[in-house]
Amino acid sequence: MKVDKSVLIITSVGLAIGFAEALVYYNLGTNAKRDTFKFGVPKGKELAKSMAVVAITSGLTALISYQIEKTLEANTVNLATI
C-alpha cells in the first residue's frame, strides 16, 4: 500500500501536538489538588498508554482527512464534467 505524503505529515504533526496536549492534561490532573504546580511526564505503562492513544488518534485523523480530501477532489472533478 502506497502512503500519501499528506498522511505522513498529518500523522507526524498530530503526534507532536497530541503528545503535548496529553502532557498538559496529565499535568492538570496530577496537580489538581496541589498548592504548587509541578510539571512531570508519565512513566512506564502510563506513558505507553498515552502514546498509544495519541498515535491511534493521529493516524485516524490523517486517514479520515485524506479520505475527505480525495472525496472532495472526486466530487469537484465530477461537477466539472457536467
PDB file of N, CA and C in Angstrom:
ATOM      1  N   MET A   1       0.835  -1.178   0.000  1.00  0.00           N
ATOM      2  CA  MET A   1       0.000   0.000   0.000  1.00  0.00           C
ATOM      3  C   MET A   1       0.879   1.240   0.000  1.00  0.00           C
ATOM      4  N   LYS A   2       0.640   2.120  -0.945  1.00  0.00           N
ATOM      5  CA  LYS A   2       1.392   3.366  -1.031  1.00  0.00           C
ATOM      6  C   LYS A   2       0.782   4.385  -0.071  1.00  0.00           C
ATOM      7  N   VAL A   3       1.630   5.015   0.743  1.00  0.00           N
ATOM      8  CA  VAL A   3       1.158   6.004   1.702  1.00  0.00           C
ATOM      9  C   VAL A   3       1.415   7.396   1.144  1.00  0.00           C
ATOM     10  N   ASP A   4       0.373   8.185   1.084  1.00  0.00           N
ATOM     11  CA  ASP A   4       0.465   9.559   0.602  1.00  0.00           C
ATOM     12  C   ASP A   4       1.271  10.400   1.595  1.00  0.00           C
ATOM     13  N   LYS A   5       2.056  11.361   1.077  1.00  0.00           N
ATOM     14  CA  LYS A   5       2.869  12.214   1.943  1.00  0.00           C
ATOM     15  C   LYS A   5       2.013  13.001   2.925  1.00  0.00           C
ATOM     16  N   SER A   6       0.837  13.428   2.490  1.00  0.00           N
ATOM     17  CA  SER A   6      -0.015  14.221   3.379  1.00  0.00           C
ATOM     18  C   SER A   6      -0.439  13.410   4.602  1.00  0.00           C
ATOM     19  N   VAL A   7      -0.643  12.105   4.438  1.00  0.00           N
ATOM     20  CA  VAL A   7      -0.996  11.254   5.585  1.00  0.00           C
ATOM     21  C   VAL A   7       0.164  11.223   6.579  1.00  0.00           C
ATOM     22  N   LEU A   8       1.380  11.097   6.075  1.00  0.00           N
ATOM     23  CA  LEU A   8       2.551  11.089   6.966  1.00  0.00           C
ATOM     24  C   LEU A   8       2.733  12.431   7.673  1.00  0.00           C
ATOM     25  N   ILE A   9       2.525  13.517   6.940  1.00  0.00           N
ATOM     26  CA  ILE A   9       2.678  14.848   7.527  1.00  0.00           C
ATOM     27  C   ILE A   9       1.633  15.072   8.610  1.00  0.00           C
ATOM     28  N   ILE A  10       0.372  14.774   8.293  1.00  0.00           N
ATOM     29  CA  ILE A  10      -0.702  14.989   9.263  1.00  0.00           C
ATOM     30  C   ILE A  10      -0.507  14.092  10.479  1.00  0.00           C
ATOM     31  N   THR A  11      -0.083  12.862  10.266  1.00  0.00           N
ATOM     32  CA  THR A  11       0.159  11.955  11.390  1.00  0.00           C
ATOM     33  C   THR A  11       1.290  12.470  12.269  1.00  0.00           C
ATOM     34  N   SER A  12       2.376  12.921  11.659  1.00  0.00           N
ATOM     35  CA  SER A  12       3.526  13.419  12.426  1.00  0.00           C
ATOM     36  C   SER A  12       3.163  14.660  13.235  1.00  0.00           C
ATOM     37  N   VAL A  13       2.481  15.595  12.599  1.00  0.00           N
ATOM     38  CA  VAL A  13       2.075  16.812  13.308  1.00  0.00           C
ATOM     39  C   VAL A  13       1.075  16.450  14.404  1.00  0.00           C
ATOM     40  N   GLY A  14       0.159  15.547  14.099  1.00  0.00           N
ATOM     41  CA  GLY A  14      -0.807  15.099  15.101  1.00  0.00           C
ATOM     42  C   GLY A  14      -0.147  14.448  16.290  1.00  0.00           C
ATOM     43  N   LEU A  15       0.896  13.670  16.043  1.00  0.00           N
ATOM     44  CA  LEU A  15       1.640  13.034  17.143  1.00  0.00           C
ATOM     45  C   LEU A  15       2.283  14.080  18.049  1.00  0.00           C
ATOM     46  N   ALA A  16       2.920  15.062  17.447  1.00  0.00           N
ATOM     47  CA  ALA A  16       3.599  16.093  18.237  1.00  0.00           C
ATOM     48  C   ALA A  16       2.596  16.909  19.053  1.00  0.00           C
ATOM     49  N   ILE A  17       1.551  17.372  18.409  1.00  0.00           N
ATOM     50  CA  ILE A  17       0.549  18.181  19.104  1.00  0.00           C
ATOM     51  C   ILE A  17      -0.228  17.327  20.101  1.00  0.00           C
ATOM     52  N   GLY A  18      -0.561  16.119  19.709  1.00  0.00           N
ATOM     53  CA  GLY A  18      -1.298  15.228  20.596  1.00  0.00           C
ATOM     54  C   GLY A  18      -0.519  14.885  21.848  1.00  0.00           C
ATOM     55  N   PHE A  19       0.783  14.653  21.704  1.00  0.00           N
ATOM     56  CA  PHE A  19       1.591  14.342  22.875  1.00  0.00           C
ATOM     57  C   PHE A  19       1.689  15.556  23.794  1.00  0.00           C
ATOM     58  N   ALA A  20       1.847  16.740  23.216  1.00  0.00           N
ATOM     59  CA  ALA A  20       1.886  17.965  24.026  1.00  0.00           C
ATOM     60  C   ALA A  20       0.563  18.149  24.767  1.00  0.00           C
ATOM     61  N   GLU A  21      -0.541  17.900  24.083  1.00  0.00           N
ATOM     62  CA  GLU A  21      -1.859  18.015  24.707  1.00  0.00           C
ATOM     63  C   GLU A  21      -2.020  16.986  25.833  1.00  0.00           C
ATOM     64  N   ALA A  22      -1.578  15.769  25.579  1.00  0.00           N
ATOM     65  CA  ALA A  22      -1.662  14.719  26.600  1.00  0.00           C
ATOM     66  C   ALA A  22      -0.854  15.106  27.840  1.00  0.00           C
ATOM     67  N   LEU A  23       0.312  15.707  27.636  1.00  0.00           N
ATOM     68  CA  LEU A  23       1.125  16.153  28.776  1.00  0.00           C
ATOM     69  C   LEU A  23       0.420  17.252  29.569  1.00  0.00           C
ATOM     70  N   VAL A  24      -0.240  18.156  28.867  1.00  0.00           N
ATOM     71  CA  VAL A  24      -0.979  19.224  29.559  1.00  0.00           C
ATOM     72  C   VAL A  24      -2.075  18.616  30.427  1.00  0.00           C
ATOM     73  N   TYR A  25      -2.876  17.710  29.839  1.00  0.00           N
ATOM     74  CA  TYR A  25      -3.955  17.087  30.607  1.00  0.00           C
ATOM     75  C   TYR A  25      -3.421  16.251  31.772  1.00  0.00           C
ATOM     76  N   TYR A  26      -2.335  15.547  31.528  1.00  0.00           N
ATOM     77  CA  TYR A  26      -1.711  14.747  32.589  1.00  0.00           C
ATOM     78  C   TYR A  26      -1.317  15.646  33.762  1.00  0.00           C
ATOM     79  N   ASN A  27      -0.665  16.753  33.434  1.00  0.00           N
ATOM     80  CA  ASN A  27      -0.206  17.658  34.483  1.00  0.00           C
ATOM     81  C   ASN A  27      -1.346  18.391  35.170  1.00  0.00           C
ATOM     82  N   LEU A  28      -2.382  18.727  34.437  1.00  0.00           N
ATOM     83  CA  LEU A  28      -3.547  19.337  35.079  1.00  0.00           C
ATOM     84  C   LEU A  28      -4.178  18.358  36.069  1.00  0.00           C
ATOM     85  N   GLY A  29      -4.255  17.092  35.674  1.00  0.00           N
ATOM     86  CA  GLY A  29      -4.830  16.082  36.558  1.00  0.00           C
ATOM     87  C   GLY A  29      -3.973  15.802  37.780  1.00  0.00           C
ATOM     88  N   THR A  30      -2.678  15.680  37.580  1.00  0.00           N
ATOM     89  CA  THR A  30      -1.802  15.352  38.716  1.00  0.00           C
ATOM     90  C   THR A  30      -1.606  16.538  39.660  1.00  0.00           C
ATOM     91  N   ASN A  31      -1.853  17.747  39.180  1.00  0.00           N
ATOM     92  CA  ASN A  31      -1.675  18.935  40.013  1.00  0.00           C
ATOM     93  C   ASN A  31      -2.986  19.502  40.543  1.00  0.00           C
ATOM     94  N   ALA A  32      -4.088  18.816  40.292  1.00  0.00           N
ATOM     95  CA  ALA A  32      -5.410  19.342  40.656  1.00  0.00           C
ATOM     96  C   ALA A  32      -5.537  19.636  42.150  1.00  0.00           C
ATOM     97  N   LYS A  33      -4.940  18.820  42.989  1.00  0.00           N
ATOM     98  CA  LYS A  33      -5.099  19.005  44.431  1.00  0.00           C
ATOM     99  C   LYS A  33      -3.840  19.533  45.109  1.00  0.00           C
ATOM    100  N   ARG A  34      -2.908  20.035  44.316  1.00  0.00           N
ATOM    101  CA  ARG A  34      -1.661  20.577  44.872  1.00  0.00           C
ATOM    102  C   ARG A  34      -1.740  22.095  44.959  1.00  0.00           C
ATOM    103  N   ASP A  35      -1.008  22.655  45.893  1.00  0.00           N
ATOM    104  CA  ASP A  35      -0.947  24.112  46.019  1.00  0.00           C
ATOM    105  C   ASP A  35       0.009  24.717  44.990  1.00  0.00           C
ATOM    106  N   THR A  36       1.070  23.983  44.653  1.00  0.00           N
ATOM    107  CA  THR A  36       2.025  24.469  43.656  1.00  0.00           C
ATOM    108  C   THR A  36       2.033  23.512  42.461  1.00  0.00           C
ATOM    109  N   PHE A  37       2.228  24.091  41.294  1.00  0.00           N
ATOM    110  CA  PHE A  37       2.223  23.301  40.057  1.00  0.00           C
ATOM    111  C   PHE A  37       3.594  22.686  39.833  1.00  0.00           C
ATOM    112  N   LYS A  38       3.623  21.391  39.575  1.00  0.00           N
ATOM    113  CA  LYS A  38       4.877  20.689  39.301  1.00  0.00           C
ATOM    114  C   LYS A  38       4.703  19.926  37.993  1.00  0.00           C
ATOM    115  N   PHE A  39       5.525  20.268  36.993  1.00  0.00           N
ATOM    116  CA  PHE A  39       5.442  19.617  35.684  1.00  0.00           C
ATOM    117  C   PHE A  39       6.090  18.241  35.745  1.00  0.00           C
ATOM    118  N   GLY A  40       5.451  17.269  35.126  1.00  0.00           N
ATOM    119  CA  GLY A  40       6.003  15.926  35.089  1.00  0.00           C
ATOM    120  C   GLY A  40       5.597  15.192  33.817  1.00  0.00           C
ATOM    121  N   VAL A  41       6.274  14.110  33.543  1.00  0.00           N
ATOM    122  CA  VAL A  41       5.980  13.247  32.397  1.00  0.00           C
ATOM    123  C   VAL A  41       5.633  11.869  32.950  1.00  0.00           C
ATOM    124  N   PRO A  42       4.536  11.280  32.466  1.00  0.00           N
ATOM    125  CA  PRO A  42       4.192   9.945  32.976  1.00  0.00           C
ATOM    126  C   PRO A  42       5.303   8.944  32.660  1.00  0.00           C
ATOM    127  N   LYS A  43       5.368   7.916  33.444  1.00  0.00           N
ATOM    128  CA  LYS A  43       6.415   6.900  33.258  1.00  0.00           C
ATOM    129  C   LYS A  43       5.796   5.530  33.025  1.00  0.00           C
ATOM    130  N   GLY A  44       6.567   4.655  32.450  1.00  0.00           N
ATOM    131  CA  GLY A  44       6.180   3.254  32.297  1.00  0.00           C
ATOM    132  C   GLY A  44       4.915   3.034  31.496  1.00  0.00           C
ATOM    133  N   LYS A  45       4.021   2.222  32.067  1.00  0.00           N
ATOM    134  CA  LYS A  45       2.793   1.842  31.365  1.00  0.00           C
ATOM    135  C   LYS A  45       1.898   3.041  31.072  1.00  0.00           C
ATOM    136  N   GLU A  46       1.881   4.006  31.981  1.00  0.00           N
ATOM    137  CA  GLU A  46       1.039   5.190  31.772  1.00  0.00           C
ATOM    138  C   GLU A  46       1.519   5.983  30.550  1.00  0.00           C
ATOM    139  N   LEU A  47       2.819   6.118  30.401  1.00  0.00           N
ATOM    140  CA  LEU A  47       3.373   6.801  29.229  1.00  0.00           C
ATOM    141  C   LEU A  47       3.067   6.007  27.963  1.00  0.00           C
ATOM    142  N   ALA A  48       3.223   4.706  28.018  1.00  0.00           N
ATOM    143  CA  ALA A  48       2.951   3.854  26.857  1.00  0.00           C
ATOM    144  C   ALA A  48       1.489   3.944  26.437  1.00  0.00           C
ATOM    145  N   LYS A  49       0.575   3.923  27.404  1.00  0.00           N
ATOM    146  CA  LYS A  49      -0.851   4.034  27.084  1.00  0.00           C
ATOM    147  C   LYS A  49      -1.168   5.387  26.452  1.00  0.00           C
ATOM    148  N   SER A  50      -0.597   6.442  27.005  1.00  0.00           N
ATOM    149  CA  SER A  50      -0.830   7.788  26.452  1.00  0.00           C
ATOM    150  C   SER A  50      -0.311   7.885  25.023  1.00  0.00           C
ATOM    151  N   MET A  51       0.888   7.363  24.798  1.00  0.00           N
ATOM    152  CA  MET A  51       1.474   7.403  23.453  1.00  0.00           C
ATOM    153  C   MET A  51       0.653   6.565  22.471  1.00  0.00           C
ATOM    154  N   ALA A  52       0.131   5.437  22.915  1.00  0.00           N
ATOM    155  CA  ALA A  52      -0.692   4.592  22.045  1.00  0.00           C
ATOM    156  C   ALA A  52      -1.966   5.318  21.638  1.00  0.00           C
ATOM    157  N   VAL A  53      -2.607   5.967  22.588  1.00  0.00           N
ATOM    158  CA  VAL A  53      -3.834   6.713  22.282  1.00  0.00           C
ATOM    159  C   VAL A  53      -3.528   7.850  21.310  1.00  0.00           C
ATOM    160  N   VAL A  54      -2.459   8.571  21.557  1.00  0.00           N
ATOM    161  CA  VAL A  54      -2.076   9.686  20.675  1.00  0.00           C
ATOM    162  C   VAL A  54      -1.748   9.163  19.275  1.00  0.00           C
ATOM    163  N   ALA A  55      -1.021   8.072  19.180  1.00  0.00           N
ATOM    164  CA  ALA A  55      -0.658   7.505  17.878  1.00  0.00           C
ATOM    165  C   ALA A  55      -1.897   7.047  17.102  1.00  0.00           C
ATOM    166  N   ILE A  56      -2.811   6.380  17.785  1.00  0.00           N
ATOM    167  CA  ILE A  56      -4.018   5.894  17.118  1.00  0.00           C
ATOM    168  C   ILE A  56      -4.878   7.056  16.639  1.00  0.00           C
ATOM    169  N   THR A  57      -5.103   8.043  17.508  1.00  0.00           N
ATOM    170  CA  THR A  57      -5.943   9.175  17.102  1.00  0.00           C
ATOM    171  C   THR A  57      -5.286  10.012  16.005  1.00  0.00           C
ATOM    172  N   SER A  58      -3.971  10.132  16.036  1.00  0.00           N
ATOM    173  CA  SER A  58      -3.268  10.875  14.985  1.00  0.00           C
ATOM    174  C   SER A  58      -3.380  10.153  13.651  1.00  0.00           C
ATOM    175  N   GLY A  59      -3.201   8.842  13.669  1.00  0.00           N
ATOM    176  CA  GLY A  59      -3.336   8.057  12.443  1.00  0.00           C
ATOM    177  C   GLY A  59      -4.742   8.119  11.882  1.00  0.00           C
ATOM    178  N   LEU A  60      -5.738   7.990  12.747  1.00  0.00           N
ATOM    179  CA  LEU A  60      -7.131   8.071  12.295  1.00  0.00           C
ATOM    180  C   LEU A  60      -7.457   9.445  11.715  1.00  0.00           C
ATOM    181  N   THR A  61      -6.968  10.491  12.369  1.00  0.00           N
ATOM    182  CA  THR A  61      -7.186  11.847  11.866  1.00  0.00           C
ATOM    183  C   THR A  61      -6.602  12.010  10.474  1.00  0.00           C
ATOM    184  N   ALA A  62      -5.393  11.514  10.278  1.00  0.00           N
ATOM    185  CA  ALA A  62      -4.735  11.616   8.977  1.00  0.00           C
ATOM    186  C   ALA A  62      -5.495  10.840   7.906  1.00  0.00           C
ATOM    187  N   LEU A  63      -5.895   9.623   8.229  1.00  0.00           N
ATOM    188  CA  LEU A  63      -6.612   8.799   7.245  1.00  0.00           C
ATOM    189  C   LEU A  63      -7.980   9.380   6.900  1.00  0.00           C
ATOM    190  N   ILE A  64      -8.702   9.853   7.900  1.00  0.00           N
ATOM    191  CA  ILE A  64     -10.008  10.453   7.645  1.00  0.00           C
ATOM    192  C   ILE A  64      -9.854  11.733   6.834  1.00  0.00           C
ATOM    193  N   SER A  65      -8.877  12.560   7.171  1.00  0.00           N
ATOM    194  CA  SER A  65      -8.626  13.793   6.419  1.00  0.00           C
ATOM    195  C   SER A  65      -8.291  13.474   4.965  1.00  0.00           C
ATOM    196  N   TYR A  66      -7.475  12.460   4.766  1.00  0.00           N
ATOM    197  CA  TYR A  66      -7.084  12.042   3.408  1.00  0.00           C
ATOM    198  C   TYR A  66      -8.307  11.586   2.615  1.00  0.00           C
ATOM    199  N   GLN A  67      -9.164  10.788   3.242  1.00  0.00           N
ATOM    200  CA  GLN A  67     -10.364  10.304   2.547  1.00  0.00           C
ATOM    201  C   GLN A  67     -11.311  11.452   2.205  1.00  0.00           C
ATOM    202  N   ILE A  68     -11.477  12.392   3.106  1.00  0.00           N
ATOM    203  CA  ILE A  68     -12.337  13.549   2.844  1.00  0.00           C
ATOM    204  C   ILE A  68     -11.780  14.361   1.683  1.00  0.00           C
ATOM    205  N   GLU A  69     -10.464  14.580   1.699  1.00  0.00           N
ATOM    206  CA  GLU A  69      -9.816  15.336   0.624  1.00  0.00           C
ATOM    207  C   GLU A  69     -10.020  14.648  -0.721  1.00  0.00           C
ATOM    208  N   LYS A  70      -9.819  13.344  -0.776  1.00  0.00           N
ATOM    209  CA  LYS A  70      -9.995  12.598  -2.030  1.00  0.00           C
ATOM    210  C   LYS A  70     -11.451  12.634  -2.500  1.00  0.00           C
ATOM    211  N   THR A  71     -12.390  12.535  -1.568  1.00  0.00           N
ATOM    212  CA  THR A  71     -13.806  12.590  -1.917  1.00  0.00           C
ATOM    213  C   THR A  71     -14.168  13.955  -2.476  1.00  0.00           C
ATOM    214  N   LEU A  72     -13.668  15.007  -1.848  1.00  0.00           N
ATOM    215  CA  LEU A  72     -13.942  16.358  -2.339  1.00  0.00           C
ATOM    216  C   LEU A  72     -13.330  16.583  -3.716  1.00  0.00           C
ATOM    217  N   GLU A  73     -12.113  16.078  -3.930  1.00  0.00           N
ATOM    218  CA  GLU A  73     -11.472  16.200  -5.238  1.00  0.00           C
ATOM    219  C   GLU A  73     -12.273  15.451  -6.301  1.00  0.00           C
ATOM    220  N   ALA A  74     -12.751  14.258  -5.981  1.00  0.00           N
ATOM    221  CA  ALA A  74     -13.535  13.467  -6.928  1.00  0.00           C
ATOM    222  C   ALA A  74     -14.834  14.168  -7.255  1.00  0.00           C
ATOM    223  N   ASN A  75     -15.482  14.761  -6.254  1.00  0.00           N
ATOM    224  CA  ASN A  75     -16.738  15.480  -6.492  1.00  0.00           C
ATOM    225  C   ASN A  75     -16.501  16.719  -7.334  1.00  0.00           C
ATOM    226  N   THR A  76     -15.390  17.395  -7.140  1.00  0.00           N
ATOM    227  CA  THR A  76     -15.064  18.563  -7.939  1.00  0.00           C
ATOM    228  C   THR A  76     -14.855  18.174  -9.397  1.00  0.00           C
ATOM    229  N   VAL A  77     -14.151  17.060  -9.634  1.00  0.00           N
ATOM    230  CA  VAL A  77     -13.931  16.577 -10.993  1.00  0.00           C
ATOM    231  C   VAL A  77     -15.261  16.194 -11.628  1.00  0.00           C
ATOM    232  N   ASN A  78     -16.125  15.508 -10.879  1.00  0.00           N
ATOM    233  CA  ASN A  78     -17.420  15.100 -11.408  1.00  0.00           C
ATOM    234  C   ASN A  78     -18.290  16.304 -11.749  1.00  0.00           C
ATOM    235  N   LEU A  79     -18.275  17.332 -10.923  1.00  0.00           N
ATOM    236  CA  LEU A  79     -19.056  18.534 -11.193  1.00  0.00           C
ATOM    237  C   LEU A  79     -18.537  19.279 -12.418  1.00  0.00           C
ATOM    238  N   ALA A  80     -17.219  19.228 -12.630  1.00  0.00           N
ATOM    239  CA  ALA A  80     -16.620  19.924 -13.773  1.00  0.00           C
ATOM    240  C   ALA A  80     -17.014  19.280 -15.095  1.00  0.00           C
ATOM    241  N   THR A  81     -17.343  18.000 -15.074  1.00  0.00           N
ATOM    242  CA  THR A  81     -17.696  17.313 -16.319  1.00  0.00           C
ATOM    243  C   THR A  81     -19.176  17.419 -16.657  1.00  0.00           C
ATOM    244  N   ILE A  82     -19.948  18.013 -15.777  1.00  0.00           N
ATOM    245  CA  ILE A  82     -21.393  18.139 -16.030  1.00  0.00           C
ATOM    246  C   ILE A  82     -21.677  19.278 -16.975  1.00  0.00           C
TER     247      ILE A  82
END
